[in-house]
């Protein structure tokens, strides 16, 4: 099921898979991607969940409200979607910017979010990280999305994967190029304001950190430190994967997250 959901000031494109009555799982895309990035996970996840994907603001077929954006905006969009769709509680999985959104939800709305998978994400924005996004923004302002597509593909995937999957890689490339540069830039500004690490010890719901072994943007050491700072959390490293591990190594990624996401699902479905 596909449709736009009006949140008042803007609308978001949504996609729903899986049986009615199943527990809800919300998937949130990375910067530069849209909901289609989760295609490799939908067959497995929709066996257990009513899966809600959405194009985050400024991405895909969703509206591009004026920026800059903050994580308060991105977190608020999820809660507004849940309210509009009568979703009382849900599990949440996000990658990169989507993962950061998940941490914000865990901190601000533990009554609505049951557990979070934080994939290939960080939780803070040190000076080199902030300046990197200034460079990226300048490139997009000068050259549009074409200015960053090659670098993005190189950071998202291992060279072996790119060589072995040319058709899928070309589809991802088209997805990146399809975005409105203004929406991309507005989301970059949200990343520059990222400031969750100092509060990770306040998270009281289950969190699983997952990341590619070759991820440079959210390196395994960074994610392990986040897991160490989050009560009860753990980190699973995905071998031979870069930043977008769910596409780069879908079978290993699915295996890493499935037990965590489906914990207590049978009991919840029959409650």
C-alpha atoms as a PDB file:
ATOM      1  CA  UNK A   1       0.000   0.000   0.000  1.00  0.00           C
ATOM      2  CA  UNK A   2       1.365   3.379  -1.031  1.00  0.00           C
ATOM      3  CA  UNK A   3       0.176   6.864  -0.173  1.00  0.00           C
ATOM      4  CA  UNK A   4       1.021  10.371   0.926  1.00  0.00           C
ATOM      5  CA  UNK A   5       0.354  11.379   4.505  1.00  0.00           C
ATOM      6  CA  UNK A   6      -0.382  15.039   5.247  1.00  0.00           C
ATOM      7  CA  UNK A   7       1.397  16.184   8.397  1.00  0.00           C
ATOM      8  CA  UNK A   8       0.025  19.712   8.202  1.00  0.00           C
ATOM      9  CA  UNK A   9       2.987  21.761   7.017  1.00  0.00           C
ATOM     10  CA  UNK A  10       4.167  19.080   4.571  1.00  0.00           C
ATOM     11  CA  UNK A  11       3.381  15.592   3.301  1.00  0.00           C
ATOM     12  CA  UNK A  12       5.478  12.433   3.340  1.00  0.00           C
ATOM     13  CA  UNK A  13       5.352   9.547   0.902  1.00  0.00           C
ATOM     14  CA  UNK A  14       4.718   6.237   2.660  1.00  0.00           C
ATOM     15  CA  UNK A  15       4.781   2.543   1.773  1.00  0.00           C
ATOM     16  CA  UNK A  16       3.155  -0.175   3.878  1.00  0.00           C
ATOM     17  CA  UNK A  17       3.829  -3.909   3.568  1.00  0.00           C
ATOM     18  CA  UNK A  18       2.906  -6.920   5.661  1.00  0.00           C
ATOM     19  CA  UNK A  19      -0.297  -8.244   7.222  1.00  0.00           C
ATOM     20  CA  UNK A  20      -2.825  -6.084   8.989  1.00  0.00           C
ATOM     21  CA  UNK A  21      -2.791  -6.651  12.722  1.00  0.00           C
ATOM     22  CA  UNK A  22       0.912  -7.493  12.866  1.00  0.00           C
ATOM     23  CA  UNK A  23       3.170  -5.363  15.099  1.00  0.00           C
ATOM     24  CA  UNK A  24       4.394  -2.192  13.429  1.00  0.00           C
ATOM     25  CA  UNK A  25       7.974  -1.685  12.275  1.00  0.00           C
ATOM     26  CA  UNK A  26       9.068   1.680  10.878  1.00  0.00           C
ATOM     27  CA  UNK A  27      12.068   1.942   8.514  1.00  0.00           C
ATOM     28  CA  UNK A  28      13.918   5.231   7.967  1.00  0.00           C
ATOM     29  CA  UNK A  29      16.274   5.915   5.069  1.00  0.00           C
ATOM     30  CA  UNK A  30      19.747   7.409   4.976  1.00  0.00           C
ATOM     31  CA  UNK A  31      20.715  10.790   3.599  1.00  0.00           C
ATOM     32  CA  UNK A  32      20.591  10.637  -0.186  1.00  0.00           C
ATOM     33  CA  UNK A  33      18.338   7.578  -0.256  1.00  0.00           C
ATOM     34  CA  UNK A  34      14.603   6.955  -0.267  1.00  0.00           C
ATOM     35  CA  UNK A  35      12.388   4.219   1.112  1.00  0.00           C
ATOM     36  CA  UNK A  36      13.363   1.912  -1.746  1.00  0.00           C
ATOM     37  CA  UNK A  37      16.743   1.380  -0.074  1.00  0.00           C
ATOM     38  CA  UNK A  38      14.967  -1.123   2.206  1.00  0.00           C
ATOM     39  CA  UNK A  39      13.778  -3.362  -0.644  1.00  0.00           C
ATOM     40  CA  UNK A  40      16.251  -6.153   0.300  1.00  0.00           C
ATOM     41  CA  UNK A  41      14.693  -6.378   3.779  1.00  0.00           C
ATOM     42  CA  UNK A  42      10.975  -6.237   2.948  1.00  0.00           C
ATOM     43  CA  UNK A  43      10.360  -9.930   2.087  1.00  0.00           C
ATOM     44  CA  UNK A  44      11.761 -11.108   5.436  1.00  0.00           C
ATOM     45  CA  UNK A  45      10.422  -8.289   7.594  1.00  0.00           C
ATOM     46  CA  UNK A  46       6.903  -8.371   6.164  1.00  0.00           C
ATOM     47  CA  UNK A  47       6.514 -11.963   7.351  1.00  0.00           C
ATOM     48  CA  UNK A  48       6.527 -10.670  10.920  1.00  0.00           C
ATOM     49  CA  UNK A  49       5.543  -7.004  10.791  1.00  0.00           C
ATOM     50  CA  UNK A  50       3.276  -4.382   9.342  1.00  0.00           C
ATOM     51  CA  UNK A  51       6.175  -2.437   7.823  1.00  0.00           C
ATOM     52  CA  UNK A  52       5.950   1.323   7.324  1.00  0.00           C
ATOM     53  CA  UNK A  53       8.576   2.906   5.106  1.00  0.00           C
ATOM     54  CA  UNK A  54       8.602   6.596   4.349  1.00  0.00           C
ATOM     55  CA  UNK A  55      10.691   8.983   2.271  1.00  0.00           C
ATOM     56  CA  UNK A  56      12.124  11.359   4.834  1.00  0.00           C
ATOM     57  CA  UNK A  57      11.432  15.055   4.310  1.00  0.00           C
ATOM     58  CA  UNK A  58      13.455  16.434   1.424  1.00  0.00           C
ATOM     59  CA  UNK A  59      13.888  12.980  -0.118  1.00  0.00           C
ATOM     60  CA  UNK A  60      12.179  10.793  -2.700  1.00  0.00           C
ATOM     61  CA  UNK A  61       8.548  11.671  -3.331  1.00  0.00           C
ATOM     62  CA  UNK A  62       8.070  13.508  -0.028  1.00  0.00           C
ATOM     63  CA  UNK A  63       7.756  17.283   0.190  1.00  0.00           C
ATOM     64  CA  UNK A  64      10.765  19.536   0.604  1.00  0.00           C
ATOM     65  CA  UNK A  65       9.846  22.041   3.328  1.00  0.00           C
ATOM     66  CA  UNK A  66      12.173  24.983   3.784  1.00  0.00           C
ATOM     67  CA  UNK A  67      15.372  24.181   5.649  1.00  0.00           C
ATOM     68  CA  UNK A  68      17.572  23.885   7.499  1.00  0.00           C
ATOM     69  CA  UNK A  69      16.229  20.801   9.262  1.00  0.00           C
ATOM     70  CA  UNK A  70      17.062  19.512  12.731  1.00  0.00           C
ATOM     71  CA  UNK A  71      16.706  16.102  14.303  1.00  0.00           C
ATOM     72  CA  UNK A  72      13.790  17.497  16.272  1.00  0.00           C
ATOM     73  CA  UNK A  73      12.061  17.949  12.899  1.00  0.00           C
ATOM     74  CA  UNK A  74      12.958  14.430  11.748  1.00  0.00           C
ATOM     75  CA  UNK A  75      11.899  12.826  15.034  1.00  0.00           C
ATOM     76  CA  UNK A  76       8.699  14.855  15.017  1.00  0.00           C
ATOM     77  CA  UNK A  77       7.871  13.634  11.512  1.00  0.00           C
ATOM     78  CA  UNK A  78       7.922  10.016  12.728  1.00  0.00           C
ATOM     79  CA  UNK A  79       5.625  10.722  15.667  1.00  0.00           C
ATOM     80  CA  UNK A  80       3.274  12.706  13.418  1.00  0.00           C
ATOM     81  CA  UNK A  81       3.174   9.813  10.946  1.00  0.00           C
ATOM     82  CA  UNK A  82       2.364   7.422  13.768  1.00  0.00           C
ATOM     83  CA  UNK A  83      -0.416   9.700  14.981  1.00  0.00           C
ATOM     84  CA  UNK A  84      -1.925  10.122  11.503  1.00  0.00           C
ATOM     85  CA  UNK A  85      -1.840   6.365  10.891  1.00  0.00           C
ATOM     86  CA  UNK A  86      -3.134   5.440  14.361  1.00  0.00           C
ATOM     87  CA  UNK A  87       0.069   3.629  15.299  1.00  0.00           C
ATOM     88  CA  UNK A  88       0.282   3.565  19.075  1.00  0.00           C
ATOM     89  CA  UNK A  89       3.706   1.920  19.327  1.00  0.00           C
ATOM     90  CA  UNK A  90       6.255   0.566  16.862  1.00  0.00           C
ATOM     91  CA  UNK A  91       9.714  -0.840  16.481  1.00  0.00           C
ATOM     92  CA  UNK A  92      12.118   1.274  14.481  1.00  0.00           C
ATOM     93  CA  UNK A  93      15.104   0.633  12.221  1.00  0.00           C
ATOM     94  CA  UNK A  94      17.081   3.358  10.526  1.00  0.00           C
ATOM     95  CA  UNK A  95      20.354   3.603   8.664  1.00  0.00           C
ATOM     96  CA  UNK A  96      22.760   6.541   8.879  1.00  0.00           C
ATOM     97  CA  UNK A  97      20.501   9.625   9.188  1.00  0.00           C
ATOM     98  CA  UNK A  98      17.609   7.257   9.813  1.00  0.00           C
ATOM     99  CA  UNK A  99      19.591   5.583  12.598  1.00  0.00           C
ATOM    100  CA  UNK A 100      20.258   8.949  14.195  1.00  0.00           C
ATOM    101  CA  UNK A 101      16.538   9.668  14.020  1.00  0.00           C
ATOM    102  CA  UNK A 102      15.994   6.382  15.865  1.00  0.00           C
ATOM    103  CA  UNK A 103      18.260   7.486  18.702  1.00  0.00           C
ATOM    104  CA  UNK A 104      16.293  10.719  18.977  1.00  0.00           C
ATOM    105  CA  UNK A 105      13.067   8.745  19.167  1.00  0.00           C
ATOM    106  CA  UNK A 106      14.508   6.451  21.841  1.00  0.00           C
ATOM    107  CA  UNK A 107      15.428   9.472  23.951  1.00  0.00           C
ATOM    108  CA  UNK A 108      12.300  11.571  23.436  1.00  0.00           C
ATOM    109  CA  UNK A 109       9.543   8.999  22.911  1.00  0.00           C
ATOM    110  CA  UNK A 110      10.273   5.731  24.739  1.00  0.00           C
ATOM    111  CA  UNK A 111       6.520   5.379  25.281  1.00  0.00           C
ATOM    112  CA  UNK A 112       5.966   5.121  21.511  1.00  0.00           C
ATOM    113  CA  UNK A 113       9.083   3.280  20.307  1.00  0.00           C
ATOM    114  CA  UNK A 114       9.634  -0.256  21.620  1.00  0.00           C
ATOM    115  CA  UNK A 115      13.149  -0.939  20.343  1.00  0.00           C
ATOM    116  CA  UNK A 116      15.588   0.552  17.826  1.00  0.00           C
ATOM    117  CA  UNK A 117      18.092  -0.789  15.331  1.00  0.00           C
ATOM    118  CA  UNK A 118      20.715   1.882  14.718  1.00  0.00           C
ATOM    119  CA  UNK A 119      22.543   0.880  11.519  1.00  0.00           C
ATOM    120  CA  UNK A 120      25.682   2.613  10.266  1.00  0.00           C
ATOM    121  CA  UNK A 121      25.050   5.789  12.229  1.00  0.00           C
ATOM    122  CA  UNK A 122      26.854   8.130  14.564  1.00  0.00           C
ATOM    123  CA  UNK A 123      25.585  10.101  17.547  1.00  0.00           C
ATOM    124  CA  UNK A 124      27.697  13.263  17.548  1.00  0.00           C
ATOM    125  CA  UNK A 125      29.155  15.827  15.159  1.00  0.00           C
ATOM    126  CA  UNK A 126      32.816  16.619  15.950  1.00  0.00           C
ATOM    127  CA  UNK A 127      34.451  19.495  14.015  1.00  0.00           C
ATOM    128  CA  UNK A 128      35.863  17.351  11.155  1.00  0.00           C
ATOM    129  CA  UNK A 129      32.402  15.831  10.642  1.00  0.00           C
ATOM    130  CA  UNK A 130      30.758  19.263  10.537  1.00  0.00           C
ATOM    131  CA  UNK A 131      33.309  20.645   8.077  1.00  0.00           C
ATOM    132  CA  UNK A 132      32.902  17.612   5.820  1.00  0.00           C
ATOM    133  CA  UNK A 133      29.250  18.520   5.400  1.00  0.00           C
ATOM    134  CA  UNK A 134      30.130  22.133   4.589  1.00  0.00           C
ATOM    135  CA  UNK A 135      32.253  20.780   1.733  1.00  0.00           C
ATOM    136  CA  UNK A 136      29.439  18.464   0.622  1.00  0.00           C
ATOM    137  CA  UNK A 137      26.898  21.293   0.710  1.00  0.00           C
ATOM    138  CA  UNK A 138      29.161  23.534  -1.370  1.00  0.00           C
ATOM    139  CA  UNK A 139      29.537  20.800  -3.953  1.00  0.00           C
ATOM    140  CA  UNK A 140      25.787  20.275  -4.225  1.00  0.00           C
ATOM    141  CA  UNK A 141      25.148  24.021  -4.435  1.00  0.00           C
ATOM    142  CA  UNK A 142      27.605  24.241  -7.333  1.00  0.00           C
ATOM    143  CA  UNK A 143      26.895  20.998  -9.176  1.00  0.00           C
ATOM    144  CA  UNK A 144      23.605  19.552  -7.940  1.00  0.00           C
ATOM    145  CA  UNK A 145      23.348  15.921  -6.868  1.00  0.00           C
ATOM    146  CA  UNK A 146      25.710  14.944  -9.691  1.00  0.00           C
ATOM    147  CA  UNK A 147      28.483  16.613  -7.730  1.00  0.00           C
ATOM    148  CA  UNK A 148      28.372  14.069  -4.915  1.00  0.00           C
ATOM    149  CA  UNK A 149      27.013  10.882  -6.495  1.00  0.00           C
ATOM    150  CA  UNK A 150      30.376   9.250  -7.246  1.00  0.00           C
ATOM    151  CA  UNK A 151      31.748   9.895  -3.765  1.00  0.00           C
ATOM    152  CA  UNK A 152      28.518   8.697  -2.206  1.00  0.00           C
ATOM    153  CA  UNK A 153      28.567   5.424  -4.103  1.00  0.00           C
ATOM    154  CA  UNK A 154      32.203   4.859  -3.121  1.00  0.00           C
ATOM    155  CA  UNK A 155      31.389   5.349   0.565  1.00  0.00           C
ATOM    156  CA  UNK A 156      28.187   3.301   0.507  1.00  0.00           C
ATOM    157  CA  UNK A 157      29.569   0.127  -1.094  1.00  0.00           C
ATOM    158  CA  UNK A 158      32.718  -1.935  -1.294  1.00  0.00           C
ATOM    159  CA  UNK A 159      34.518  -2.035  -4.661  1.00  0.00           C
ATOM    160  CA  UNK A 160      33.861  -5.770  -4.958  1.00  0.00           C
ATOM    161  CA  UNK A 161      30.128  -5.240  -4.540  1.00  0.00           C
ATOM    162  CA  UNK A 162      30.057  -2.463  -7.141  1.00  0.00           C
ATOM    163  CA  UNK A 163      31.855  -4.685  -9.634  1.00  0.00           C
ATOM    164  CA  UNK A 164      29.560  -7.649  -8.971  1.00  0.00           C
ATOM    165  CA  UNK A 165      26.232  -5.765  -8.942  1.00  0.00           C
ATOM    166  CA  UNK A 166      26.251  -3.203 -11.775  1.00  0.00           C
ATOM    167  CA  UNK A 167      22.483  -3.159 -12.319  1.00  0.00           C
ATOM    168  CA  UNK A 168      21.639  -2.678  -8.644  1.00  0.00           C
ATOM    169  CA  UNK A 169      24.384  -0.080  -8.347  1.00  0.00           C
ATOM    170  CA  UNK A 170      22.959   1.844 -11.296  1.00  0.00           C
ATOM    171  CA  UNK A 171      19.536   1.844  -9.625  1.00  0.00           C
ATOM    172  CA  UNK A 172      21.041   3.251  -6.437  1.00  0.00           C
ATOM    173  CA  UNK A 173      22.868   5.874  -8.451  1.00  0.00           C
ATOM    174  CA  UNK A 174      19.598   6.959 -10.078  1.00  0.00           C
ATOM    175  CA  UNK A 175      17.986   7.148  -6.635  1.00  0.00           C
ATOM    176  CA  UNK A 176      20.692   9.507  -5.385  1.00  0.00           C
ATOM    177  CA  UNK A 177      20.466  11.718  -8.465  1.00  0.00           C
ATOM    178  CA  UNK A 178      16.670  11.975  -8.189  1.00  0.00           C
ATOM    179  CA  UNK A 179      16.685  14.055  -5.011  1.00  0.00           C
ATOM    180  CA  UNK A 180      16.030  17.773  -4.778  1.00  0.00           C
ATOM    181  CA  UNK A 181      19.357  19.446  -3.896  1.00  0.00           C
ATOM    182  CA  UNK A 182      17.579  21.811  -1.480  1.00  0.00           C
ATOM    183  CA  UNK A 183      16.186  18.869   0.488  1.00  0.00           C
ATOM    184  CA  UNK A 184      19.582  17.180   0.585  1.00  0.00           C
ATOM    185  CA  UNK A 185      21.272  20.334   1.876  1.00  0.00           C
ATOM    186  CA  UNK A 186      18.596  20.927   4.507  1.00  0.00           C
ATOM    187  CA  UNK A 187      19.191  17.391   5.823  1.00  0.00           C
ATOM    188  CA  UNK A 188      22.965  17.934   5.841  1.00  0.00           C
ATOM    189  CA  UNK A 189      22.368  20.784   8.284  1.00  0.00           C
ATOM    190  CA  UNK A 190      20.568  18.391  10.608  1.00  0.00           C
ATOM    191  CA  UNK A 191      23.629  16.138  10.622  1.00  0.00           C
ATOM    192  CA  UNK A 192      25.830  19.060  11.594  1.00  0.00           C
ATOM    193  CA  UNK A 193      23.689  19.566  14.705  1.00  0.00           C
ATOM    194  CA  UNK A 194      23.828  15.924  15.809  1.00  0.00           C
ATOM    195  CA  UNK A 195      24.331  15.768  19.595  1.00  0.00           C
ATOM    196  CA  UNK A 196      23.062  12.520  21.112  1.00  0.00           C
ATOM    197  CA  UNK A 197      26.225  10.783  22.357  1.00  0.00           C
ATOM    198  CA  UNK A 198      26.288  12.540  25.731  1.00  0.00           C
ATOM    199  CA  UNK A 199      22.734  11.335  26.381  1.00  0.00           C
ATOM    200  CA  UNK A 200      22.968   7.718  25.239  1.00  0.00           C
ATOM    201  CA  UNK A 201      23.172   6.579  28.870  1.00  0.00           C
ATOM    202  CA  UNK A 202      19.593   7.865  29.309  1.00  0.00           C
ATOM    203  CA  UNK A 203      18.116   5.454  26.743  1.00  0.00           C
ATOM    204  CA  UNK A 204      15.828   2.957  28.457  1.00  0.00           C
ATOM    205  CA  UNK A 205      14.598   0.828  25.550  1.00  0.00           C
ATOM    206  CA  UNK A 206      16.512  -1.957  23.743  1.00  0.00           C
ATOM    207  CA  UNK A 207      18.952  -0.749  21.079  1.00  0.00           C
ATOM    208  CA  UNK A 208      21.005  -2.793  18.632  1.00  0.00           C
ATOM    209  CA  UNK A 209      23.863  -1.148  16.760  1.00  0.00           C
ATOM    210  CA  UNK A 210      24.806  -2.662  13.399  1.00  0.00           C
ATOM    211  CA  UNK A 211      27.462  -1.484  10.979  1.00  0.00           C
ATOM    212  CA  UNK A 212      29.638  -2.464   8.054  1.00  0.00           C
ATOM    213  CA  UNK A 213      33.220  -3.492   8.712  1.00  0.00           C
ATOM    214  CA  UNK A 214      34.444  -1.088   5.999  1.00  0.00           C
ATOM    215  CA  UNK A 215      32.208   1.844   6.972  1.00  0.00           C
ATOM    216  CA  UNK A 216      34.300   5.002   7.295  1.00  0.00           C
ATOM    217  CA  UNK A 217      31.469   7.422   8.058  1.00  0.00           C
ATOM    218  CA  UNK A 218      30.230   5.383  11.030  1.00  0.00           C
ATOM    219  CA  UNK A 219      33.280   3.248  11.716  1.00  0.00           C
ATOM    220  CA  UNK A 220      32.974   0.081  13.825  1.00  0.00           C
ATOM    221  CA  UNK A 221      34.953   1.711  16.647  1.00  0.00           C
ATOM    222  CA  UNK A 222      32.512   4.636  16.703  1.00  0.00           C
ATOM    223  CA  UNK A 223      29.511   2.323  16.813  1.00  0.00           C
ATOM    224  CA  UNK A 224      31.061   0.116  19.487  1.00  0.00           C
ATOM    225  CA  UNK A 225      31.599   3.206  21.642  1.00  0.00           C
ATOM    226  CA  UNK A 226      27.935   4.103  21.176  1.00  0.00           C
ATOM    227  CA  UNK A 227      26.881   0.601  22.173  1.00  0.00           C
ATOM    228  CA  UNK A 228      29.120   0.758  25.232  1.00  0.00           C
ATOM    229  CA  UNK A 229      27.466   4.051  26.239  1.00  0.00           C
ATOM    230  CA  UNK A 230      23.901   2.742  25.789  1.00  0.00           C
ATOM    231  CA  UNK A 231      22.498   0.623  28.636  1.00  0.00           C
ATOM    232  CA  UNK A 232      22.071  -3.009  27.573  1.00  0.00           C
ATOM    233  CA  UNK A 233      23.014  -2.359  23.945  1.00  0.00           C
ATOM    234  CA  UNK A 234      25.304  -4.390  21.707  1.00  0.00           C
ATOM    235  CA  UNK A 235      27.064  -3.931  18.381  1.00  0.00           C
ATOM    236  CA  UNK A 236      27.146  -6.377  15.468  1.00  0.00           C
ATOM    237  CA  UNK A 237      29.700  -5.820  12.721  1.00  0.00           C
ATOM    238  CA  UNK A 238      28.690  -6.823   9.182  1.00  0.00           C
ATOM    239  CA  UNK A 239      31.691  -8.292   7.342  1.00  0.00           C
ATOM    240  CA  UNK A 240      32.671  -6.996   3.901  1.00  0.00           C
ATOM    241  CA  UNK A 241      30.182  -4.129   3.946  1.00  0.00           C
ATOM    242  CA  UNK A 242      30.590  -0.371   3.759  1.00  0.00           C
ATOM    243  CA  UNK A 243      28.192   2.380   4.831  1.00  0.00           C
ATOM    244  CA  UNK A 244      24.914   1.070   3.399  1.00  0.00           C
ATOM    245  CA  UNK A 245      25.313  -2.409   4.828  1.00  0.00           C
ATOM    246  CA  UNK A 246      21.714  -3.461   4.263  1.00  0.00           C
ATOM    247  CA  UNK A 247      22.235  -3.342   0.469  1.00  0.00           C
ATOM    248  CA  UNK A 248      25.951  -4.133   0.438  1.00  0.00           C
ATOM    249  CA  UNK A 249      25.468  -7.369   2.433  1.00  0.00           C
ATOM    250  CA  UNK A 250      21.712  -7.981   2.740  1.00  0.00           C
ATOM    251  CA  UNK A 251      21.802 -11.587   3.949  1.00  0.00           C
ATOM    252  CA  UNK A 252      24.274 -10.850   6.738  1.00  0.00           C
ATOM    253  CA  UNK A 253      22.425  -7.662   7.631  1.00  0.00           C
ATOM    254  CA  UNK A 254      19.060  -9.412   7.822  1.00  0.00           C
ATOM    255  CA  UNK A 255      20.525 -12.164   9.970  1.00  0.00           C
ATOM    256  CA  UNK A 256      22.056  -9.598  12.310  1.00  0.00           C
ATOM    257  CA  UNK A 257      18.822  -7.707  12.985  1.00  0.00           C
ATOM    258  CA  UNK A 258      16.042 -10.285  12.749  1.00  0.00           C
ATOM    259  CA  UNK A 259      16.227 -11.890  16.198  1.00  0.00           C
ATOM    260  CA  UNK A 260      16.441  -8.482  17.854  1.00  0.00           C
ATOM    261  CA  UNK A 261      13.500  -7.039  15.935  1.00  0.00           C
ATOM    262  CA  UNK A 262      11.258 -10.077  16.380  1.00  0.00           C
ATOM    263  CA  UNK A 263      11.850 -10.447  20.131  1.00  0.00           C
ATOM    264  CA  UNK A 264       8.432 -10.848  21.814  1.00  0.00           C
ATOM    265  CA  UNK A 265       6.584 -10.427  18.491  1.00  0.00           C
ATOM    266  CA  UNK A 266       4.601 -13.659  18.861  1.00  0.00           C
ATOM    267  CA  UNK A 267       3.411 -12.674  22.310  1.00  0.00           C
ATOM    268  CA  UNK A 268       2.539  -9.163  21.131  1.00  0.00           C
ATOM    269  CA  UNK A 269       0.596 -10.431  18.113  1.00  0.00           C
ATOM    270  CA  UNK A 270      -1.578 -12.697  20.271  1.00  0.00           C
ATOM    271  CA  UNK A 271      -2.062 -10.246  23.124  1.00  0.00           C
END
